[in-house]
Amino acid sequence: MSLVTTHILDTTAGTPAGGVVVILAESTGTEIARGRTDSDGRVGELGPEQLEQGAYRLSFHTGAYFQAKGLPTFFPEVHITFSIGTEAHYHVPLLISPYSYSTYRGS
């Protein structure tokens, strides 16, 4: 049973990506929780403090973020499917630019 957090960095601007809507869902697509990144690009706690083991998906609505900056983007949404095991905390960072993105298992 675990807690999920995330952080988005805009690698084009070299700054956190604030104001991005993030949705946590079960692998079936059923929404569990949603949040919006703060001025530091973070959503501190997304969803319940305890999630069962299994596959989950984070969806990042990046299109509106880039539109607000006056930039076109090739990826209006980014979906990351990941597995939750027995650890207490899962941090899933996202690095974005208008034409690419990257993610990794954070700490």
C-alpha atoms as a PDB file:
ATOM      1  CA  MET A   1       0.000   0.000   0.000  1.00  0.00           C
ATOM      2  CA  SER A   2       1.550   3.261  -1.145  1.00  0.00           C
ATOM      3  CA  LEU A   3       1.467   7.032  -1.617  1.00  0.00           C
ATOM      4  CA  VAL A   4       2.038   8.654  -5.046  1.00  0.00           C
ATOM      5  CA  THR A   5       3.658  12.056  -5.654  1.00  0.00           C
ATOM      6  CA  THR A   6       4.879  13.773  -8.825  1.00  0.00           C
ATOM      7  CA  HIS A   7       6.940  16.719 -10.000  1.00  0.00           C
ATOM      8  CA  ILE A   8       7.070  18.329 -13.473  1.00  0.00           C
ATOM      9  CA  LEU A   9      10.026  20.270 -14.823  1.00  0.00           C
ATOM     10  CA  ASP A  10       9.894  22.260 -18.069  1.00  0.00           C
ATOM     11  CA  THR A  11      13.295  21.509 -19.597  1.00  0.00           C
ATOM     12  CA  THR A  12      12.860  24.181 -22.272  1.00  0.00           C
ATOM     13  CA  ALA A  13      12.464  26.968 -19.732  1.00  0.00           C
ATOM     14  CA  GLY A  14      14.543  25.344 -17.010  1.00  0.00           C
ATOM     15  CA  THR A  15      11.732  25.895 -14.503  1.00  0.00           C
ATOM     16  CA  PRO A  16       9.054  23.901 -12.684  1.00  0.00           C
ATOM     17  CA  ALA A  17       5.799  23.475 -14.628  1.00  0.00           C
ATOM     18  CA  GLY A  18       3.075  24.960 -12.442  1.00  0.00           C
ATOM     19  CA  GLY A  19      -0.642  24.689 -13.089  1.00  0.00           C
ATOM     20  CA  VAL A  20      -0.616  21.326 -14.890  1.00  0.00           C
ATOM     21  CA  VAL A  21      -3.605  19.062 -14.197  1.00  0.00           C
ATOM     22  CA  VAL A  22      -2.519  15.557 -13.143  1.00  0.00           C
ATOM     23  CA  ILE A  23      -4.886  12.591 -12.848  1.00  0.00           C
ATOM     24  CA  LEU A  24      -4.148   9.350 -11.022  1.00  0.00           C
ATOM     25  CA  ALA A  25      -6.189   6.409 -12.301  1.00  0.00           C
ATOM     26  CA  GLU A  26      -6.376   2.672 -12.009  1.00  0.00           C
ATOM     27  CA  SER A  27      -5.044   0.774 -15.025  1.00  0.00           C
ATOM     28  CA  THR A  28      -8.682   0.335 -16.106  1.00  0.00           C
ATOM     29  CA  GLY A  29      -8.983   4.122 -16.453  1.00  0.00           C
ATOM     30  CA  THR A  30     -11.089   4.675 -13.331  1.00  0.00           C
ATOM     31  CA  GLU A  31     -10.028   8.011 -11.857  1.00  0.00           C
ATOM     32  CA  ILE A  32      -8.788   7.877  -8.272  1.00  0.00           C
ATOM     33  CA  ALA A  33      -7.695  11.492  -7.771  1.00  0.00           C
ATOM     34  CA  ARG A  34      -6.702  14.667  -9.554  1.00  0.00           C
ATOM     35  CA  GLY A  35      -4.548  17.599  -8.662  1.00  0.00           C
ATOM     36  CA  ARG A  36      -2.764  20.581 -10.147  1.00  0.00           C
ATOM     37  CA  THR A  37       0.947  21.226  -9.873  1.00  0.00           C
ATOM     38  CA  ASP A  38       1.905  24.112  -7.614  1.00  0.00           C
ATOM     39  CA  SER A  39       4.407  26.868  -8.463  1.00  0.00           C
ATOM     40  CA  ASP A  40       7.224  24.395  -7.732  1.00  0.00           C
ATOM     41  CA  GLY A  41       5.756  21.917 -10.255  1.00  0.00           C
ATOM     42  CA  ARG A  42       4.711  19.480  -7.530  1.00  0.00           C
ATOM     43  CA  VAL A  43       1.623  17.586  -6.510  1.00  0.00           C
ATOM     44  CA  GLY A  44       2.492  16.588  -2.958  1.00  0.00           C
ATOM     45  CA  GLU A  45      -0.004  13.807  -2.412  1.00  0.00           C
ATOM     46  CA  LEU A  46      -2.144  12.373  -5.147  1.00  0.00           C
ATOM     47  CA  GLY A  47      -4.966  10.131  -4.107  1.00  0.00           C
ATOM     48  CA  PRO A  48      -5.410   8.154  -0.945  1.00  0.00           C
ATOM     49  CA  GLU A  49      -2.455   7.481   1.306  1.00  0.00           C
ATOM     50  CA  GLN A  50      -2.838   3.773   0.724  1.00  0.00           C
ATOM     51  CA  LEU A  51      -3.003   2.180  -2.723  1.00  0.00           C
ATOM     52  CA  GLU A  52      -3.124  -1.534  -3.330  1.00  0.00           C
ATOM     53  CA  GLN A  53      -0.390  -3.260  -5.330  1.00  0.00           C
ATOM     54  CA  GLY A  54      -0.950  -3.179  -9.073  1.00  0.00           C
ATOM     55  CA  ALA A  55      -0.764  -0.999 -12.174  1.00  0.00           C
ATOM     56  CA  TYR A  56      -1.744   2.679 -12.130  1.00  0.00           C
ATOM     57  CA  ARG A  57      -1.633   5.538 -14.618  1.00  0.00           C
ATOM     58  CA  LEU A  58      -0.691   9.189 -14.237  1.00  0.00           C
ATOM     59  CA  SER A  59      -2.068  11.511 -16.928  1.00  0.00           C
ATOM     60  CA  PHE A  60      -0.516  14.942 -17.319  1.00  0.00           C
ATOM     61  CA  HIS A  61      -2.467  17.581 -19.265  1.00  0.00           C
ATOM     62  CA  THR A  62       0.541  19.347 -20.752  1.00  0.00           C
ATOM     63  CA  GLY A  63      -1.226  20.905 -23.760  1.00  0.00           C
ATOM     64  CA  ALA A  64      -2.909  23.644 -21.721  1.00  0.00           C
ATOM     65  CA  TYR A  65       0.408  24.411 -20.000  1.00  0.00           C
ATOM     66  CA  PHE A  66       2.238  25.001 -23.293  1.00  0.00           C
ATOM     67  CA  GLN A  67      -0.727  26.840 -24.806  1.00  0.00           C
ATOM     68  CA  ALA A  68      -0.656  29.302 -21.894  1.00  0.00           C
ATOM     69  CA  LYS A  69       3.021  29.915 -22.703  1.00  0.00           C
ATOM     70  CA  GLY A  70       2.168  30.521 -26.379  1.00  0.00           C
ATOM     71  CA  LEU A  71       3.978  27.363 -27.497  1.00  0.00           C
ATOM     72  CA  PRO A  72       2.713  24.554 -29.730  1.00  0.00           C
ATOM     73  CA  THR A  73       3.228  21.024 -28.432  1.00  0.00           C
ATOM     74  CA  PHE A  74       3.336  17.594 -30.016  1.00  0.00           C
ATOM     75  CA  PHE A  75       2.218  15.890 -26.771  1.00  0.00           C
ATOM     76  CA  PRO A  76      -0.954  17.561 -25.406  1.00  0.00           C
ATOM     77  CA  GLU A  77      -1.176  14.777 -22.812  1.00  0.00           C
ATOM     78  CA  VAL A  78       1.392  12.433 -21.312  1.00  0.00           C
ATOM     79  CA  HIS A  79       0.284   9.100 -19.845  1.00  0.00           C
ATOM     80  CA  ILE A  80       2.623   7.081 -17.649  1.00  0.00           C
ATOM     81  CA  THR A  81       1.646   3.598 -16.519  1.00  0.00           C
ATOM     82  CA  PHE A  82       3.619   2.261 -13.571  1.00  0.00           C
ATOM     83  CA  SER A  83       3.462  -0.529 -11.006  1.00  0.00           C
ATOM     84  CA  ILE A  84       3.002  -0.170  -7.273  1.00  0.00           C
ATOM     85  CA  GLY A  85       4.478  -2.845  -5.086  1.00  0.00           C
ATOM     86  CA  THR A  86       5.071  -2.960  -1.354  1.00  0.00           C
ATOM     87  CA  GLU A  87       7.021   0.275  -0.863  1.00  0.00           C
ATOM     88  CA  ALA A  88       5.409   3.161   1.020  1.00  0.00           C
ATOM     89  CA  HIS A  89       6.113   5.966  -1.478  1.00  0.00           C
ATOM     90  CA  TYR A  90       6.272   6.238  -5.263  1.00  0.00           C
ATOM     91  CA  HIS A  91       7.516   9.480  -6.827  1.00  0.00           C
ATOM     92  CA  VAL A  92       7.038   9.785 -10.598  1.00  0.00           C
ATOM     93  CA  PRO A  93       8.767  12.900 -12.009  1.00  0.00           C
ATOM     94  CA  LEU A  94       8.112  14.174 -15.536  1.00  0.00           C
ATOM     95  CA  LEU A  95      10.501  16.273 -17.628  1.00  0.00           C
ATOM     96  CA  ILE A  96       8.708  18.034 -20.485  1.00  0.00           C
ATOM     97  CA  SER A  97       9.391  20.170 -23.530  1.00  0.00           C
ATOM     98  CA  PRO A  98       7.035  20.937 -26.417  1.00  0.00           C
ATOM     99  CA  TYR A  99       8.358  17.992 -28.457  1.00  0.00           C
ATOM    100  CA  SER A 100       9.605  15.455 -25.933  1.00  0.00           C
ATOM    101  CA  TYR A 101       9.188  14.076 -22.454  1.00  0.00           C
ATOM    102  CA  SER A 102      11.046  11.807 -20.082  1.00  0.00           C
ATOM    103  CA  THR A 103      10.294  10.136 -16.783  1.00  0.00           C
ATOM    104  CA  TYR A 104      12.004   7.989 -14.188  1.00  0.00           C
ATOM    105  CA  ARG A 105      11.434   6.430 -10.783  1.00  0.00           C
ATOM    106  CA  GLY A 106      12.122   9.205  -8.296  1.00  0.00           C
ATOM    107  CA  SER A 107      12.711   9.097  -4.585  1.00  0.00           C
END
